[in-house]
N, C-alpha and C. Protein backbone atom coordinates (compact mmCIF):
# COMPACT_ATOMS: atom_id res chain seq x y z
N MET A 1 22.82 -11.00 -7.36
CA MET A 1 21.95 -10.17 -8.19
C MET A 1 22.16 -8.69 -7.85
N THR A 2 22.18 -7.87 -8.86
CA THR A 2 22.34 -6.43 -8.66
C THR A 2 21.04 -5.85 -8.11
N MET A 3 21.20 -5.01 -7.13
CA MET A 3 20.04 -4.33 -6.55
C MET A 3 19.98 -2.91 -7.09
N PHE A 4 18.78 -2.44 -7.38
CA PHE A 4 18.60 -1.08 -7.86
C PHE A 4 18.82 -0.09 -6.71
N THR A 5 19.48 1.00 -7.01
CA THR A 5 19.67 2.08 -6.05
C THR A 5 19.31 3.39 -6.74
N ASN A 6 18.52 4.20 -6.07
CA ASN A 6 18.19 5.52 -6.62
C ASN A 6 19.43 6.39 -6.70
N PRO A 7 19.43 7.35 -7.61
CA PRO A 7 20.53 8.31 -7.67
C PRO A 7 20.65 9.09 -6.36
N ALA A 8 21.79 9.71 -6.16
CA ALA A 8 21.99 10.57 -5.00
C ALA A 8 21.01 11.75 -5.07
N PRO A 9 20.65 12.31 -3.92
CA PRO A 9 19.71 13.45 -3.91
C PRO A 9 20.10 14.58 -4.86
N GLN A 10 21.37 14.91 -4.95
CA GLN A 10 21.78 16.00 -5.85
C GLN A 10 21.49 15.65 -7.31
N ALA A 11 21.71 14.38 -7.68
CA ALA A 11 21.43 13.95 -9.06
C ALA A 11 19.92 13.99 -9.33
N ILE A 12 19.11 13.63 -8.34
CA ILE A 12 17.65 13.72 -8.50
C ILE A 12 17.25 15.19 -8.68
N ALA A 13 17.79 16.06 -7.85
CA ALA A 13 17.47 17.49 -7.96
C ALA A 13 17.89 18.04 -9.32
N ASP A 14 19.07 17.65 -9.80
CA ASP A 14 19.54 18.10 -11.12
C ASP A 14 18.60 17.61 -12.22
N LEU A 15 18.17 16.35 -12.13
CA LEU A 15 17.21 15.82 -13.11
C LEU A 15 15.94 16.66 -13.08
N LEU A 16 15.40 16.89 -11.90
CA LEU A 16 14.15 17.63 -11.79
C LEU A 16 14.28 19.07 -12.32
N ARG A 17 15.41 19.68 -12.14
CA ARG A 17 15.64 21.03 -12.66
C ARG A 17 15.66 21.05 -14.19
N SER A 18 16.04 19.94 -14.81
CA SER A 18 16.16 19.89 -16.27
C SER A 18 14.85 19.55 -16.97
N VAL A 19 13.86 19.04 -16.24
CA VAL A 19 12.62 18.57 -16.85
C VAL A 19 11.73 19.74 -17.23
N ARG A 20 11.18 19.66 -18.45
CA ARG A 20 10.19 20.63 -18.92
C ARG A 20 8.92 19.94 -19.41
N THR A 21 9.08 18.72 -19.95
CA THR A 21 7.94 17.97 -20.49
C THR A 21 7.98 16.56 -19.93
N VAL A 22 6.85 16.12 -19.37
CA VAL A 22 6.80 14.79 -18.75
C VAL A 22 5.59 14.03 -19.27
N ALA A 23 5.84 12.80 -19.72
CA ALA A 23 4.76 11.88 -20.07
C ALA A 23 4.34 11.18 -18.78
N VAL A 24 3.05 11.25 -18.46
CA VAL A 24 2.55 10.64 -17.23
C VAL A 24 1.72 9.42 -17.60
N VAL A 25 2.31 8.24 -17.38
CA VAL A 25 1.65 6.98 -17.71
C VAL A 25 0.68 6.65 -16.58
N GLY A 26 -0.60 6.51 -16.95
CA GLY A 26 -1.63 6.22 -15.96
C GLY A 26 -2.28 7.46 -15.38
N LEU A 27 -2.11 8.60 -16.04
CA LEU A 27 -2.70 9.86 -15.54
C LEU A 27 -4.23 9.76 -15.57
N SER A 28 -4.83 9.87 -14.41
CA SER A 28 -6.28 9.74 -14.29
C SER A 28 -6.98 11.06 -14.57
N PRO A 29 -8.13 11.00 -15.25
CA PRO A 29 -8.93 12.21 -15.45
C PRO A 29 -9.72 12.58 -14.19
N ILE A 30 -9.68 11.74 -13.17
CA ILE A 30 -10.44 11.97 -11.93
C ILE A 30 -9.62 12.85 -10.99
N GLU A 31 -10.15 14.02 -10.67
CA GLU A 31 -9.40 15.03 -9.93
C GLU A 31 -8.91 14.56 -8.57
N SER A 32 -9.59 13.64 -7.93
CA SER A 32 -9.19 13.20 -6.59
C SER A 32 -8.07 12.17 -6.60
N ARG A 33 -7.72 11.64 -7.76
CA ARG A 33 -6.66 10.62 -7.84
C ARG A 33 -5.28 11.25 -7.69
N PRO A 34 -4.36 10.56 -7.03
CA PRO A 34 -3.01 11.11 -6.85
C PRO A 34 -2.33 11.50 -8.16
N SER A 35 -2.49 10.72 -9.21
CA SER A 35 -1.83 11.05 -10.48
C SER A 35 -2.31 12.40 -11.00
N HIS A 36 -3.58 12.67 -10.86
CA HIS A 36 -4.16 13.93 -11.34
C HIS A 36 -3.64 15.10 -10.51
N ARG A 37 -3.65 14.92 -9.19
CA ARG A 37 -3.19 16.00 -8.31
C ARG A 37 -1.70 16.31 -8.53
N VAL A 38 -0.89 15.27 -8.64
CA VAL A 38 0.55 15.47 -8.84
C VAL A 38 0.80 16.13 -10.19
N ALA A 39 0.17 15.64 -11.25
CA ALA A 39 0.38 16.21 -12.58
C ALA A 39 -0.09 17.67 -12.63
N ARG A 40 -1.21 17.96 -12.00
CA ARG A 40 -1.69 19.35 -11.95
C ARG A 40 -0.69 20.23 -11.21
N GLY A 41 -0.13 19.71 -10.13
CA GLY A 41 0.90 20.45 -9.40
C GLY A 41 2.12 20.71 -10.26
N MET A 42 2.52 19.73 -11.05
CA MET A 42 3.69 19.90 -11.91
C MET A 42 3.39 20.91 -13.02
N GLN A 43 2.16 20.94 -13.50
CA GLN A 43 1.79 21.97 -14.48
C GLN A 43 1.97 23.35 -13.85
N ARG A 44 1.60 23.49 -12.61
CA ARG A 44 1.74 24.79 -11.92
C ARG A 44 3.19 25.19 -11.77
N PHE A 45 4.10 24.21 -11.74
CA PHE A 45 5.53 24.50 -11.69
C PHE A 45 6.09 24.79 -13.08
N GLY A 46 5.23 24.71 -14.12
CA GLY A 46 5.65 25.05 -15.47
C GLY A 46 5.96 23.87 -16.38
N TRP A 47 5.71 22.66 -15.89
CA TRP A 47 5.95 21.49 -16.74
C TRP A 47 4.79 21.26 -17.69
N ARG A 48 5.11 20.81 -18.90
CA ARG A 48 4.07 20.35 -19.83
C ARG A 48 3.81 18.88 -19.52
N ILE A 49 2.55 18.54 -19.40
CA ILE A 49 2.14 17.17 -19.10
C ILE A 49 1.63 16.52 -20.38
N VAL A 50 2.10 15.30 -20.65
CA VAL A 50 1.61 14.51 -21.78
C VAL A 50 0.96 13.26 -21.19
N PRO A 51 -0.38 13.22 -21.14
CA PRO A 51 -1.06 12.07 -20.55
C PRO A 51 -0.90 10.81 -21.42
N VAL A 52 -0.62 9.69 -20.77
CA VAL A 52 -0.57 8.39 -21.46
C VAL A 52 -1.57 7.51 -20.74
N ARG A 53 -2.74 7.38 -21.36
CA ARG A 53 -3.82 6.60 -20.77
C ARG A 53 -4.82 6.27 -21.87
N PRO A 54 -4.99 4.98 -22.16
CA PRO A 54 -5.98 4.59 -23.17
C PRO A 54 -7.39 4.98 -22.72
N ALA A 55 -8.26 5.14 -23.68
CA ALA A 55 -9.70 5.33 -23.45
C ALA A 55 -10.07 6.71 -22.90
N VAL A 56 -9.15 7.66 -22.89
CA VAL A 56 -9.52 9.04 -22.58
C VAL A 56 -8.96 9.93 -23.68
N ASP A 57 -9.66 11.01 -23.98
CA ASP A 57 -9.22 11.91 -25.04
C ASP A 57 -8.22 12.94 -24.54
N GLN A 58 -8.45 13.42 -23.31
CA GLN A 58 -7.55 14.43 -22.76
C GLN A 58 -7.64 14.43 -21.25
N VAL A 59 -6.57 14.93 -20.64
CA VAL A 59 -6.51 15.11 -19.18
C VAL A 59 -5.74 16.41 -18.95
N LEU A 60 -6.23 17.22 -18.04
CA LEU A 60 -5.58 18.48 -17.69
C LEU A 60 -5.33 19.37 -18.91
N GLY A 61 -6.28 19.33 -19.86
CA GLY A 61 -6.19 20.18 -21.03
C GLY A 61 -5.21 19.71 -22.10
N GLU A 62 -4.65 18.52 -21.92
CA GLU A 62 -3.68 17.97 -22.88
C GLU A 62 -4.24 16.70 -23.53
N LYS A 63 -3.98 16.54 -24.81
CA LYS A 63 -4.39 15.33 -25.52
C LYS A 63 -3.72 14.12 -24.89
N ALA A 64 -4.50 13.05 -24.72
CA ALA A 64 -3.98 11.81 -24.14
C ALA A 64 -3.65 10.81 -25.24
N TYR A 65 -2.67 9.96 -24.96
CA TYR A 65 -2.21 8.93 -25.91
C TYR A 65 -2.29 7.57 -25.24
N ALA A 66 -2.54 6.53 -26.04
CA ALA A 66 -2.70 5.18 -25.49
C ALA A 66 -1.38 4.58 -25.03
N SER A 67 -0.27 4.99 -25.64
CA SER A 67 1.04 4.45 -25.27
C SER A 67 2.10 5.51 -25.58
N LEU A 68 3.31 5.27 -25.12
CA LEU A 68 4.40 6.20 -25.44
C LEU A 68 4.65 6.24 -26.94
N ALA A 69 4.53 5.09 -27.58
CA ALA A 69 4.76 5.01 -29.03
C ALA A 69 3.73 5.80 -29.83
N ASP A 70 2.54 6.04 -29.26
CA ASP A 70 1.49 6.78 -29.95
C ASP A 70 1.69 8.30 -29.91
N ILE A 71 2.60 8.76 -29.09
CA ILE A 71 2.87 10.20 -29.01
C ILE A 71 3.59 10.61 -30.29
N PRO A 72 3.13 11.66 -30.96
CA PRO A 72 3.79 12.08 -32.21
C PRO A 72 5.28 12.36 -31.99
N ASP A 73 6.08 12.07 -33.01
CA ASP A 73 7.54 12.18 -32.90
C ASP A 73 7.99 13.55 -32.39
N ALA A 74 7.44 14.62 -32.94
CA ALA A 74 7.89 15.97 -32.55
C ALA A 74 7.68 16.20 -31.05
N LEU A 75 6.54 15.79 -30.53
CA LEU A 75 6.26 15.94 -29.11
C LEU A 75 7.10 14.98 -28.28
N ARG A 76 7.26 13.76 -28.77
CA ARG A 76 8.04 12.75 -28.04
C ARG A 76 9.48 13.21 -27.86
N ARG A 77 10.03 13.92 -28.84
CA ARG A 77 11.41 14.42 -28.72
C ARG A 77 11.55 15.46 -27.61
N GLU A 78 10.44 16.07 -27.19
CA GLU A 78 10.47 17.06 -26.12
C GLU A 78 10.40 16.43 -24.73
N ILE A 79 10.05 15.15 -24.65
CA ILE A 79 9.83 14.51 -23.35
C ILE A 79 11.17 14.31 -22.63
N ASP A 80 11.23 14.84 -21.41
CA ASP A 80 12.42 14.73 -20.57
C ASP A 80 12.31 13.61 -19.56
N LEU A 81 11.07 13.20 -19.25
CA LEU A 81 10.84 12.24 -18.17
C LEU A 81 9.54 11.50 -18.44
N VAL A 82 9.53 10.20 -18.12
CA VAL A 82 8.30 9.41 -18.12
C VAL A 82 8.01 9.06 -16.67
N ASP A 83 6.84 9.49 -16.19
CA ASP A 83 6.44 9.30 -14.80
C ASP A 83 5.35 8.23 -14.75
N PHE A 84 5.51 7.24 -13.87
CA PHE A 84 4.61 6.08 -13.83
C PHE A 84 3.68 6.11 -12.64
N PHE A 85 2.38 6.11 -12.92
CA PHE A 85 1.32 5.97 -11.93
C PHE A 85 0.49 4.74 -12.28
N ILE A 86 1.14 3.61 -12.47
CA ILE A 86 0.44 2.38 -12.83
C ILE A 86 0.90 1.26 -11.90
N ALA A 87 0.17 0.15 -11.93
CA ALA A 87 0.55 -1.01 -11.13
C ALA A 87 1.94 -1.50 -11.56
N ALA A 88 2.70 -1.93 -10.59
CA ALA A 88 4.08 -2.36 -10.84
C ALA A 88 4.17 -3.45 -11.90
N ASP A 89 3.16 -4.32 -11.99
CA ASP A 89 3.23 -5.40 -12.97
C ASP A 89 3.02 -4.92 -14.40
N ARG A 90 2.69 -3.65 -14.59
CA ARG A 90 2.53 -3.09 -15.93
C ARG A 90 3.69 -2.19 -16.32
N VAL A 91 4.59 -1.90 -15.39
CA VAL A 91 5.68 -0.96 -15.63
C VAL A 91 6.63 -1.44 -16.72
N GLY A 92 6.97 -2.72 -16.71
CA GLY A 92 7.98 -3.26 -17.62
C GLY A 92 7.72 -2.94 -19.08
N GLU A 93 6.48 -3.10 -19.53
CA GLU A 93 6.17 -2.86 -20.94
C GLU A 93 6.40 -1.39 -21.31
N PHE A 94 6.07 -0.47 -20.41
CA PHE A 94 6.26 0.95 -20.69
C PHE A 94 7.72 1.36 -20.56
N VAL A 95 8.45 0.75 -19.63
CA VAL A 95 9.89 1.02 -19.54
C VAL A 95 10.56 0.55 -20.82
N ASP A 96 10.16 -0.61 -21.32
CA ASP A 96 10.74 -1.10 -22.58
C ASP A 96 10.43 -0.16 -23.73
N GLN A 97 9.22 0.42 -23.75
CA GLN A 97 8.89 1.42 -24.77
C GLN A 97 9.80 2.64 -24.64
N ALA A 98 9.99 3.10 -23.40
CA ALA A 98 10.83 4.28 -23.16
C ALA A 98 12.25 4.03 -23.65
N ILE A 99 12.76 2.83 -23.38
CA ILE A 99 14.11 2.47 -23.84
C ILE A 99 14.15 2.47 -25.37
N ALA A 100 13.19 1.79 -25.99
CA ALA A 100 13.17 1.66 -27.45
C ALA A 100 13.03 3.02 -28.13
N LEU A 101 12.31 3.95 -27.50
CA LEU A 101 12.07 5.27 -28.08
C LEU A 101 13.18 6.26 -27.75
N GLY A 102 14.15 5.84 -26.95
CA GLY A 102 15.26 6.71 -26.61
C GLY A 102 14.92 7.83 -25.65
N LEU A 103 13.90 7.63 -24.82
CA LEU A 103 13.54 8.65 -23.84
C LEU A 103 14.59 8.67 -22.72
N PRO A 104 14.88 9.83 -22.16
CA PRO A 104 16.05 9.96 -21.29
C PRO A 104 15.91 9.52 -19.84
N ALA A 105 14.67 9.49 -19.31
CA ALA A 105 14.54 9.22 -17.88
C ALA A 105 13.17 8.65 -17.56
N VAL A 106 13.13 7.81 -16.53
CA VAL A 106 11.87 7.25 -16.03
C VAL A 106 11.81 7.44 -14.51
N TRP A 107 10.59 7.64 -14.04
CA TRP A 107 10.34 7.88 -12.61
C TRP A 107 9.17 7.00 -12.20
N LEU A 108 9.39 6.10 -11.25
CA LEU A 108 8.34 5.25 -10.72
C LEU A 108 7.88 5.85 -9.40
N GLN A 109 6.62 6.25 -9.34
CA GLN A 109 6.08 6.96 -8.18
C GLN A 109 6.11 6.10 -6.92
N ASP A 110 5.80 6.73 -5.79
CA ASP A 110 5.71 6.02 -4.51
C ASP A 110 4.95 4.71 -4.66
N GLY A 111 5.53 3.63 -4.19
CA GLY A 111 4.86 2.34 -4.19
C GLY A 111 4.91 1.60 -5.51
N VAL A 112 5.41 2.23 -6.56
CA VAL A 112 5.53 1.57 -7.87
C VAL A 112 6.97 1.04 -7.96
N ILE A 113 7.10 -0.26 -7.76
CA ILE A 113 8.43 -0.86 -7.67
C ILE A 113 8.53 -2.03 -8.65
N ASP A 114 9.43 -1.90 -9.61
CA ASP A 114 9.77 -2.98 -10.54
C ASP A 114 11.28 -2.92 -10.72
N GLU A 115 11.98 -3.63 -9.86
CA GLU A 115 13.44 -3.56 -9.86
C GLU A 115 14.03 -4.02 -11.18
N ALA A 116 13.48 -5.08 -11.78
CA ALA A 116 14.02 -5.58 -13.05
C ALA A 116 13.89 -4.51 -14.14
N ALA A 117 12.74 -3.85 -14.22
CA ALA A 117 12.55 -2.80 -15.22
C ALA A 117 13.47 -1.62 -14.95
N ALA A 118 13.63 -1.25 -13.68
CA ALA A 118 14.51 -0.14 -13.32
C ALA A 118 15.95 -0.45 -13.72
N LEU A 119 16.40 -1.67 -13.47
CA LEU A 119 17.75 -2.06 -13.84
C LEU A 119 17.94 -2.10 -15.36
N ARG A 120 16.91 -2.55 -16.09
CA ARG A 120 16.97 -2.54 -17.57
C ARG A 120 17.13 -1.11 -18.08
N ALA A 121 16.34 -0.21 -17.52
CA ALA A 121 16.41 1.19 -17.95
C ALA A 121 17.77 1.78 -17.62
N GLN A 122 18.28 1.51 -16.44
CA GLN A 122 19.60 2.00 -16.05
C GLN A 122 20.67 1.47 -17.00
N ALA A 123 20.60 0.18 -17.29
CA ALA A 123 21.60 -0.44 -18.18
C ALA A 123 21.54 0.16 -19.57
N ALA A 124 20.35 0.64 -19.97
CA ALA A 124 20.19 1.26 -21.29
C ALA A 124 20.59 2.74 -21.29
N GLY A 125 21.01 3.24 -20.14
CA GLY A 125 21.49 4.61 -20.06
C GLY A 125 20.47 5.65 -19.62
N LEU A 126 19.28 5.21 -19.22
CA LEU A 126 18.26 6.16 -18.76
C LEU A 126 18.51 6.51 -17.31
N ALA A 127 18.20 7.73 -16.94
CA ALA A 127 18.14 8.10 -15.53
C ALA A 127 16.90 7.43 -14.95
N VAL A 128 17.02 6.85 -13.76
CA VAL A 128 15.91 6.11 -13.17
C VAL A 128 15.76 6.49 -11.70
N VAL A 129 14.53 6.81 -11.32
CA VAL A 129 14.18 7.04 -9.92
C VAL A 129 12.97 6.16 -9.64
N MET A 130 13.00 5.46 -8.49
CA MET A 130 11.92 4.52 -8.18
C MET A 130 11.45 4.70 -6.74
N ASP A 131 10.14 4.56 -6.57
CA ASP A 131 9.50 4.58 -5.26
C ASP A 131 9.66 5.94 -4.57
N ARG A 132 9.53 7.00 -5.36
CA ARG A 132 9.58 8.37 -4.84
C ARG A 132 8.51 9.19 -5.55
N CYS A 133 8.08 10.27 -4.92
CA CYS A 133 7.08 11.16 -5.52
C CYS A 133 7.75 12.33 -6.21
N VAL A 134 7.52 12.47 -7.50
CA VAL A 134 8.15 13.52 -8.28
C VAL A 134 7.74 14.91 -7.78
N TRP A 135 6.48 15.09 -7.44
CA TRP A 135 6.02 16.39 -6.98
C TRP A 135 6.63 16.74 -5.63
N ARG A 136 6.64 15.77 -4.71
CA ARG A 136 7.22 16.02 -3.38
C ARG A 136 8.71 16.32 -3.51
N ASP A 137 9.43 15.53 -4.32
CA ASP A 137 10.86 15.78 -4.49
C ASP A 137 11.11 17.14 -5.15
N TYR A 138 10.33 17.48 -6.15
CA TYR A 138 10.50 18.79 -6.79
C TYR A 138 10.24 19.89 -5.76
N SER A 139 9.18 19.74 -4.98
CA SER A 139 8.82 20.75 -3.99
C SER A 139 9.90 20.93 -2.94
N THR A 140 10.53 19.85 -2.51
CA THR A 140 11.53 19.96 -1.44
C THR A 140 12.94 20.18 -1.94
N MET A 141 13.27 19.67 -3.13
CA MET A 141 14.64 19.75 -3.62
C MET A 141 14.91 20.95 -4.54
N VAL A 142 13.88 21.41 -5.23
CA VAL A 142 14.08 22.42 -6.25
C VAL A 142 13.48 23.78 -5.87
N THR A 143 12.33 23.79 -5.27
CA THR A 143 11.65 25.07 -5.03
C THR A 143 12.02 25.71 -3.70
N GLU A 144 12.69 24.99 -2.82
CA GLU A 144 13.04 25.56 -1.51
C GLU A 144 14.19 26.53 -1.64
């Protein structure tokens, strides 16, 4: 069986340098939650955040959507990365949406591990990073 391997550090840094708009799946409206803190930090670095979370209207001043497919086409075309802050057993359905919608990259945060979904995304041509923190990597790889 093929094992998933993250891209080399330089490729991760290059990906992070290219990102301007990120859909954050599971972005919590609660300020103390890691997803909220990380997304707020990324906003401070100049990224546009697109919250993907059912049952909330907005997070961090941005309209929230129930799924990736619910994001309007014009905005969806701007998305450079889909960042996952959800339980690993829910990742597959959103990775499949990202593949079907032609989104270019997915990032599974620290502790979010779904090797089968990561391999599917890689096979479909998406850039994939798993079990790493986007904010920490951006802070150490890009801003230093």
